[in-house]
Amino acid sequence: MRQKEKTKSLDFFGKSNYTWMLIGAAFIVLGMFLMSGGKSADPNVFNESEVYSFRRITLAPIVIIAGFIIEIYAIFKKS
């Protein structure tokens, strides 16, 4: 009688890897959301405080870069 061969799954990532990938993707989406907006009601008026706010110039890029770092961690993390 033959023993059933144990087949090794070819999953590259484990459940924790996918969890970290979703967290990283959420950070990237949040950063893009923070960067959006700034539309003026009057196209002839340029409101510098809306376009060049701390949220759009500093916070959003930091959140996006953090999301990419989390994605890199998720890819290289051992299952």
PDB file of N, CA and C in Angstrom:
ATOM      1  N   MET A   1       0.829  -1.174   0.000  1.00  0.00           N
ATOM      2  CA  MET A   1       0.000   0.000   0.000  1.00  0.00           C
ATOM      3  C   MET A   1       0.883   1.249   0.000  1.00  0.00           C
ATOM      4  N   ARG A   2       0.588   2.179  -0.861  1.00  0.00           N
ATOM      5  CA  ARG A   2       1.384   3.396  -0.945  1.00  0.00           C
ATOM      6  C   ARG A   2       0.911   4.417   0.075  1.00  0.00           C
ATOM      7  N   GLN A   3       1.895   5.150   0.537  1.00  0.00           N
ATOM      8  CA  GLN A   3       1.537   6.267   1.407  1.00  0.00           C
ATOM      9  C   GLN A   3       1.241   7.470   0.526  1.00  0.00           C
ATOM     10  N   LYS A   4       0.283   8.237   0.969  1.00  0.00           N
ATOM     11  CA  LYS A   4      -0.041   9.437   0.207  1.00  0.00           C
ATOM     12  C   LYS A   4       1.125  10.412   0.301  1.00  0.00           C
ATOM     13  N   GLU A   5       1.479  10.946  -0.829  1.00  0.00           N
ATOM     14  CA  GLU A   5       2.571  11.915  -0.836  1.00  0.00           C
ATOM     15  C   GLU A   5       2.086  13.209  -0.223  1.00  0.00           C
ATOM     16  N   LYS A   6       2.965  13.773   0.589  1.00  0.00           N
ATOM     17  CA  LYS A   6       2.641  15.070   1.169  1.00  0.00           C
ATOM     18  C   LYS A   6       2.976  16.135   0.130  1.00  0.00           C
ATOM     19  N   THR A   7       1.977  16.874  -0.240  1.00  0.00           N
ATOM     20  CA  THR A   7       2.204  17.939  -1.209  1.00  0.00           C
ATOM     21  C   THR A   7       2.395  19.238  -0.456  1.00  0.00           C
ATOM     22  N   LYS A   8       3.476  19.888  -0.779  1.00  0.00           N
ATOM     23  CA  LYS A   8       3.758  21.167  -0.141  1.00  0.00           C
ATOM     24  C   LYS A   8       3.031  22.265  -0.909  1.00  0.00           C
ATOM     25  N   SER A   9       2.373  23.098  -0.189  1.00  0.00           N
ATOM     26  CA  SER A   9       1.651  24.193  -0.807  1.00  0.00           C
ATOM     27  C   SER A   9       2.645  25.191  -1.389  1.00  0.00           C
ATOM     28  N   LEU A  10       2.316  25.729  -2.520  1.00  0.00           N
ATOM     29  CA  LEU A  10       3.185  26.698  -3.170  1.00  0.00           C
ATOM     30  C   LEU A  10       2.798  28.128  -2.831  1.00  0.00           C
ATOM     31  N   ASP A  11       2.154  28.328  -1.696  1.00  0.00           N
ATOM     32  CA  ASP A  11       1.818  29.679  -1.268  1.00  0.00           C
ATOM     33  C   ASP A  11       3.103  30.415  -0.913  1.00  0.00           C
ATOM     34  N   PHE A  12       3.299  31.542  -1.536  1.00  0.00           N
ATOM     35  CA  PHE A  12       4.490  32.333  -1.258  1.00  0.00           C
ATOM     36  C   PHE A  12       4.353  33.101   0.053  1.00  0.00           C
ATOM     37  N   PHE A  13       3.124  33.476   0.375  1.00  0.00           N
ATOM     38  CA  PHE A  13       2.885  34.292   1.554  1.00  0.00           C
ATOM     39  C   PHE A  13       1.916  33.592   2.492  1.00  0.00           C
ATOM     40  N   GLY A  14       2.104  33.846   3.773  1.00  0.00           N
ATOM     41  CA  GLY A  14       1.190  33.326   4.780  1.00  0.00           C
ATOM     42  C   GLY A  14       0.100  34.336   5.085  1.00  0.00           C
ATOM     43  N   LYS A  15      -0.740  33.982   6.020  1.00  0.00           N
ATOM     44  CA  LYS A  15      -1.854  34.849   6.395  1.00  0.00           C
ATOM     45  C   LYS A  15      -1.360  36.177   6.964  1.00  0.00           C
ATOM     46  N   SER A  16      -0.294  36.129   7.757  1.00  0.00           N
ATOM     47  CA  SER A  16       0.221  37.372   8.346  1.00  0.00           C
ATOM     48  C   SER A  16       0.803  38.282   7.264  1.00  0.00           C
ATOM     49  N   ASN A  17       1.394  37.699   6.217  1.00  0.00           N
ATOM     50  CA  ASN A  17       1.914  38.516   5.116  1.00  0.00           C
ATOM     51  C   ASN A  17       0.780  39.282   4.431  1.00  0.00           C
ATOM     52  N   TYR A  18      -0.306  38.578   4.168  1.00  0.00           N
ATOM     53  CA  TYR A  18      -1.442  39.231   3.519  1.00  0.00           C
ATOM     54  C   TYR A  18      -2.064  40.293   4.429  1.00  0.00           C
ATOM     55  N   THR A  19      -2.079  40.037   5.723  1.00  0.00           N
ATOM     56  CA  THR A  19      -2.598  41.029   6.662  1.00  0.00           C
ATOM     57  C   THR A  19      -1.749  42.294   6.609  1.00  0.00           C
ATOM     58  N   TRP A  20      -0.425  42.130   6.627  1.00  0.00           N
ATOM     59  CA  TRP A  20       0.467  43.296   6.551  1.00  0.00           C
ATOM     60  C   TRP A  20       0.325  44.005   5.211  1.00  0.00           C
ATOM     61  N   MET A  21       0.102  43.248   4.125  1.00  0.00           N
ATOM     62  CA  MET A  21      -0.093  43.875   2.818  1.00  0.00           C
ATOM     63  C   MET A  21      -1.356  44.725   2.795  1.00  0.00           C
ATOM     64  N   LEU A  22      -2.419  44.227   3.418  1.00  0.00           N
ATOM     65  CA  LEU A  22      -3.652  45.015   3.482  1.00  0.00           C
ATOM     66  C   LEU A  22      -3.468  46.272   4.319  1.00  0.00           C
ATOM     67  N   ILE A  23      -2.718  46.162   5.408  1.00  0.00           N
ATOM     68  CA  ILE A  23      -2.448  47.336   6.241  1.00  0.00           C
ATOM     69  C   ILE A  23      -1.643  48.359   5.444  1.00  0.00           C
ATOM     70  N   GLY A  24      -0.627  47.895   4.714  1.00  0.00           N
ATOM     71  CA  GLY A  24       0.171  48.798   3.885  1.00  0.00           C
ATOM     72  C   GLY A  24      -0.663  49.468   2.808  1.00  0.00           C
ATOM     73  N   ALA A  25      -1.536  48.700   2.174  1.00  0.00           N
ATOM     74  CA  ALA A  25      -2.411  49.269   1.142  1.00  0.00           C
ATOM     75  C   ALA A  25      -3.355  50.305   1.739  1.00  0.00           C
ATOM     76  N   ALA A  26      -3.832  50.045   2.953  1.00  0.00           N
ATOM     77  CA  ALA A  26      -4.711  51.006   3.624  1.00  0.00           C
ATOM     78  C   ALA A  26      -3.958  52.308   3.914  1.00  0.00           C
ATOM     79  N   PHE A  27      -2.693  52.215   4.299  1.00  0.00           N
ATOM     80  CA  PHE A  27      -1.889  53.410   4.533  1.00  0.00           C
ATOM     81  C   PHE A  27      -1.721  54.210   3.243  1.00  0.00           C
ATOM     82  N   ILE A  28      -1.474  53.512   2.139  1.00  0.00           N
ATOM     83  CA  ILE A  28      -1.288  54.197   0.857  1.00  0.00           C
ATOM     84  C   ILE A  28      -2.581  54.893   0.439  1.00  0.00           C
ATOM     85  N   VAL A  29      -3.702  54.217   0.582  1.00  0.00           N
ATOM     86  CA  VAL A  29      -4.997  54.815   0.230  1.00  0.00           C
ATOM     87  C   VAL A  29      -5.296  56.002   1.143  1.00  0.00           C
ATOM     88  N   LEU A  30      -4.998  55.874   2.433  1.00  0.00           N
ATOM     89  CA  LEU A  30      -5.211  56.977   3.362  1.00  0.00           C
ATOM     90  C   LEU A  30      -4.353  58.179   2.980  1.00  0.00           C
ATOM     91  N   GLY A  31      -3.103  57.935   2.604  1.00  0.00           N
ATOM     92  CA  GLY A  31      -2.232  59.029   2.179  1.00  0.00           C
ATOM     93  C   GLY A  31      -2.749  59.725   0.940  1.00  0.00           C
ATOM     94  N   MET A  32      -3.248  58.954  -0.018  1.00  0.00           N
ATOM     95  CA  MET A  32      -3.820  59.561  -1.223  1.00  0.00           C
ATOM     96  C   MET A  32      -5.075  60.375  -0.882  1.00  0.00           C
ATOM     97  N   PHE A  33      -5.862  59.863   0.048  1.00  0.00           N
ATOM     98  CA  PHE A  33      -7.055  60.597   0.479  1.00  0.00           C
ATOM     99  C   PHE A  33      -6.661  61.904   1.159  1.00  0.00           C
ATOM    100  N   LEU A  34      -5.614  61.866   1.990  1.00  0.00           N
ATOM    101  CA  LEU A  34      -5.155  63.084   2.661  1.00  0.00           C
ATOM    102  C   LEU A  34      -4.607  64.105   1.663  1.00  0.00           C
ATOM    103  N   MET A  35      -4.059  63.630   0.562  1.00  0.00           N
ATOM    104  CA  MET A  35      -3.476  64.524  -0.426  1.00  0.00           C
ATOM    105  C   MET A  35      -4.528  65.149  -1.344  1.00  0.00           C
ATOM    106  N   SER A  36      -5.703  64.561  -1.404  1.00  0.00           N
ATOM    107  CA  SER A  36      -6.732  65.039  -2.332  1.00  0.00           C
ATOM    108  C   SER A  36      -7.366  66.332  -1.831  1.00  0.00           C
ATOM    109  N   GLY A  37      -8.132  66.953  -2.702  1.00  0.00           N
ATOM    110  CA  GLY A  37      -8.859  68.159  -2.341  1.00  0.00           C
ATOM    111  C   GLY A  37      -8.128  69.409  -2.780  1.00  0.00           C
ATOM    112  N   GLY A  38      -8.529  70.526  -2.195  1.00  0.00           N
ATOM    113  CA  GLY A  38      -7.900  71.800  -2.497  1.00  0.00           C
ATOM    114  C   GLY A  38      -8.531  72.534  -3.652  1.00  0.00           C
ATOM    115  N   LYS A  39      -9.678  72.049  -4.122  1.00  0.00           N
ATOM    116  CA  LYS A  39     -10.338  72.707  -5.237  1.00  0.00           C
ATOM    117  C   LYS A  39     -11.014  73.989  -4.758  1.00  0.00           C
ATOM    118  N   SER A  40     -10.824  75.013  -5.502  1.00  0.00           N
ATOM    119  CA  SER A  40     -11.404  76.298  -5.160  1.00  0.00           C
ATOM    120  C   SER A  40     -12.776  76.431  -5.820  1.00  0.00           C
ATOM    121  N   ALA A  41     -13.677  77.123  -5.143  1.00  0.00           N
ATOM    122  CA  ALA A  41     -15.012  77.344  -5.707  1.00  0.00           C
ATOM    123  C   ALA A  41     -14.928  78.276  -6.918  1.00  0.00           C
ATOM    124  N   ASP A  42     -14.003  79.223  -6.866  1.00  0.00           N
ATOM    125  CA  ASP A  42     -13.802  80.161  -7.961  1.00  0.00           C
ATOM    126  C   ASP A  42     -12.480  79.834  -8.649  1.00  0.00           C
ATOM    127  N   PRO A  43     -12.503  79.465  -9.931  1.00  0.00           N
ATOM    128  CA  PRO A  43     -11.253  79.083 -10.599  1.00  0.00           C
ATOM    129  C   PRO A  43     -10.270  80.239 -10.781  1.00  0.00           C
ATOM    130  N   ASN A  44     -10.720  81.462 -10.591  1.00  0.00           N
ATOM    131  CA  ASN A  44      -9.839  82.618 -10.733  1.00  0.00           C
ATOM    132  C   ASN A  44      -9.108  82.966  -9.446  1.00  0.00           C
ATOM    133  N   VAL A  45      -9.441  82.270  -8.365  1.00  0.00           N
ATOM    134  CA  VAL A  45      -8.823  82.554  -7.063  1.00  0.00           C
ATOM    135  C   VAL A  45      -7.921  81.393  -6.688  1.00  0.00           C
ATOM    136  N   PHE A  46      -6.679  81.716  -6.320  1.00  0.00           N
ATOM    137  CA  PHE A  46      -5.718  80.698  -5.887  1.00  0.00           C
ATOM    138  C   PHE A  46      -5.519  80.852  -4.387  1.00  0.00           C
ATOM    139  N   ASN A  47      -5.963  79.830  -3.632  1.00  0.00           N
ATOM    140  CA  ASN A  47      -5.826  79.859  -2.184  1.00  0.00           C
ATOM    141  C   ASN A  47      -4.600  79.040  -1.795  1.00  0.00           C
ATOM    142  N   GLU A  48      -3.521  79.711  -1.512  1.00  0.00           N
ATOM    143  CA  GLU A  48      -2.254  79.049  -1.214  1.00  0.00           C
ATOM    144  C   GLU A  48      -2.326  78.204   0.053  1.00  0.00           C
ATOM    145  N   SER A  49      -3.102  78.617   1.044  1.00  0.00           N
ATOM    146  CA  SER A  49      -3.174  77.868   2.297  1.00  0.00           C
ATOM    147  C   SER A  49      -3.860  76.516   2.124  1.00  0.00           C
ATOM    148  N   GLU A  50      -4.746  76.384   1.139  1.00  0.00           N
ATOM    149  CA  GLU A  50      -5.392  75.093   0.885  1.00  0.00           C
ATOM    150  C   GLU A  50      -4.474  74.150   0.114  1.00  0.00           C
ATOM    151  N   VAL A  51      -3.795  74.681  -0.887  1.00  0.00           N
ATOM    152  CA  VAL A  51      -2.960  73.843  -1.745  1.00  0.00           C
ATOM    153  C   VAL A  51      -1.692  73.412  -1.024  1.00  0.00           C
ATOM    154  N   TYR A  52      -1.056  74.334  -0.323  1.00  0.00           N
ATOM    155  CA  TYR A  52       0.219  74.049   0.333  1.00  0.00           C
ATOM    156  C   TYR A  52       0.056  73.858   1.840  1.00  0.00           C
ATOM    157  N   SER A  53      -0.961  73.133   2.240  1.00  0.00           N
ATOM    158  CA  SER A  53      -1.188  72.900   3.666  1.00  0.00           C
ATOM    159  C   SER A  53      -0.269  71.794   4.187  1.00  0.00           C
ATOM    160  N   PHE A  54      -0.093  71.729   5.498  1.00  0.00           N
ATOM    161  CA  PHE A  54       0.740  70.710   6.140  1.00  0.00           C
ATOM    162  C   PHE A  54       0.250  69.310   5.788  1.00  0.00           C
ATOM    163  N   ARG A  55      -1.059  69.155   5.736  1.00  0.00           N
ATOM    164  CA  ARG A  55      -1.643  67.845   5.460  1.00  0.00           C
ATOM    165  C   ARG A  55      -1.247  67.330   4.078  1.00  0.00           C
ATOM    166  N   ARG A  56      -1.273  68.200   3.061  1.00  0.00           N
ATOM    167  CA  ARG A  56      -0.986  67.768   1.687  1.00  0.00           C
ATOM    168  C   ARG A  56       0.501  67.695   1.376  1.00  0.00           C
ATOM    169  N   ILE A  57       1.299  68.571   1.962  1.00  0.00           N
ATOM    170  CA  ILE A  57       2.713  68.652   1.615  1.00  0.00           C
ATOM    171  C   ILE A  57       3.576  67.758   2.495  1.00  0.00           C
ATOM    172  N   THR A  58       3.206  67.559   3.756  1.00  0.00           N
ATOM    173  CA  THR A  58       4.060  66.821   4.684  1.00  0.00           C
ATOM    174  C   THR A  58       3.430  65.502   5.142  1.00  0.00           C
ATOM    175  N   LEU A  59       2.239  65.575   5.680  1.00  0.00           N
ATOM    176  CA  LEU A  59       1.621  64.402   6.293  1.00  0.00           C
ATOM    177  C   LEU A  59       1.294  63.307   5.278  1.00  0.00           C
ATOM    178  N   ALA A  60       0.660  63.664   4.181  1.00  0.00           N
ATOM    179  CA  ALA A  60       0.256  62.665   3.190  1.00  0.00           C
ATOM    180  C   ALA A  60       1.446  61.904   2.598  1.00  0.00           C
ATOM    181  N   PRO A  61       2.523  62.572   2.175  1.00  0.00           N
ATOM    182  CA  PRO A  61       3.665  61.797   1.665  1.00  0.00           C
ATOM    183  C   PRO A  61       4.303  60.880   2.707  1.00  0.00           C
ATOM    184  N   ILE A  62       4.339  61.316   3.958  1.00  0.00           N
ATOM    185  CA  ILE A  62       4.889  60.469   5.020  1.00  0.00           C
ATOM    186  C   ILE A  62       4.034  59.220   5.193  1.00  0.00           C
ATOM    187  N   VAL A  63       2.717  59.368   5.159  1.00  0.00           N
ATOM    188  CA  VAL A  63       1.810  58.223   5.305  1.00  0.00           C
ATOM    189  C   VAL A  63       1.962  57.270   4.114  1.00  0.00           C
ATOM    190  N   ILE A  64       2.108  57.812   2.910  1.00  0.00           N
ATOM    191  CA  ILE A  64       2.277  56.968   1.729  1.00  0.00           C
ATOM    192  C   ILE A  64       3.595  56.204   1.791  1.00  0.00           C
ATOM    193  N   ILE A  65       4.674  56.877   2.165  1.00  0.00           N
ATOM    194  CA  ILE A  65       5.972  56.200   2.282  1.00  0.00           C
ATOM    195  C   ILE A  65       5.920  55.131   3.368  1.00  0.00           C
ATOM    196  N   ALA A  66       5.229  55.412   4.470  1.00  0.00           N
ATOM    197  CA  ALA A  66       5.061  54.394   5.515  1.00  0.00           C
ATOM    198  C   ALA A  66       4.310  53.185   4.961  1.00  0.00           C
ATOM    199  N   GLY A  67       3.320  53.419   4.117  1.00  0.00           N
ATOM    200  CA  GLY A  67       2.594  52.321   3.491  1.00  0.00           C
ATOM    201  C   GLY A  67       3.491  51.471   2.608  1.00  0.00           C
ATOM    202  N   PHE A  68       4.381  52.109   1.845  1.00  0.00           N
ATOM    203  CA  PHE A  68       5.318  51.360   1.013  1.00  0.00           C
ATOM    204  C   PHE A  68       6.313  50.574   1.854  1.00  0.00           C
ATOM    205  N   ILE A  69       6.753  51.134   2.958  1.00  0.00           N
ATOM    206  CA  ILE A  69       7.669  50.419   3.859  1.00  0.00           C
ATOM    207  C   ILE A  69       6.968  49.199   4.451  1.00  0.00           C
ATOM    208  N   ILE A  70       5.705  49.353   4.825  1.00  0.00           N
ATOM    209  CA  ILE A  70       4.937  48.216   5.348  1.00  0.00           C
ATOM    210  C   ILE A  70       4.781  47.147   4.271  1.00  0.00           C
ATOM    211  N   GLU A  71       4.553  47.558   3.026  1.00  0.00           N
ATOM    212  CA  GLU A  71       4.440  46.594   1.922  1.00  0.00           C
ATOM    213  C   GLU A  71       5.752  45.828   1.736  1.00  0.00           C
ATOM    214  N   ILE A  72       6.871  46.504   1.791  1.00  0.00           N
ATOM    215  CA  ILE A  72       8.177  45.839   1.655  1.00  0.00           C
ATOM    216  C   ILE A  72       8.376  44.853   2.802  1.00  0.00           C
ATOM    217  N   TYR A  73       8.014  45.271   4.014  1.00  0.00           N
ATOM    218  CA  TYR A  73       8.112  44.369   5.170  1.00  0.00           C
ATOM    219  C   TYR A  73       7.241  43.131   4.949  1.00  0.00           C
ATOM    220  N   ALA A  74       6.031  43.331   4.444  1.00  0.00           N
ATOM    221  CA  ALA A  74       5.106  42.207   4.229  1.00  0.00           C
ATOM    222  C   ALA A  74       5.649  41.228   3.199  1.00  0.00           C
ATOM    223  N   ILE A  75       6.338  41.739   2.191  1.00  0.00           N
ATOM    224  CA  ILE A  75       6.872  40.856   1.151  1.00  0.00           C
ATOM    225  C   ILE A  75       8.048  40.043   1.678  1.00  0.00           C
ATOM    226  N   PHE A  76       8.913  40.660   2.452  1.00  0.00           N
ATOM    227  CA  PHE A  76      10.117  39.968   2.901  1.00  0.00           C
ATOM    228  C   PHE A  76       9.949  39.198   4.208  1.00  0.00           C
ATOM    229  N   LYS A  77       8.808  39.365   4.880  1.00  0.00           N
ATOM    230  CA  LYS A  77       8.575  38.669   6.152  1.00  0.00           C
ATOM    231  C   LYS A  77       8.433  37.176   5.907  1.00  0.00           C
ATOM    232  N   LYS A  78       9.131  36.403   6.732  1.00  0.00           N
ATOM    233  CA  LYS A  78       9.024  34.943   6.629  1.00  0.00           C
ATOM    234  C   LYS A  78       7.685  34.483   7.179  1.00  0.00           C
ATOM    235  N   SER A  79       7.060  33.543   6.503  1.00  0.00           N
ATOM    236  CA  SER A  79       5.767  33.033   6.965  1.00  0.00           C
ATOM    237  C   SER A  79       5.956  32.123   8.159  1.00  0.00           C
TER     238      SER A  79
END
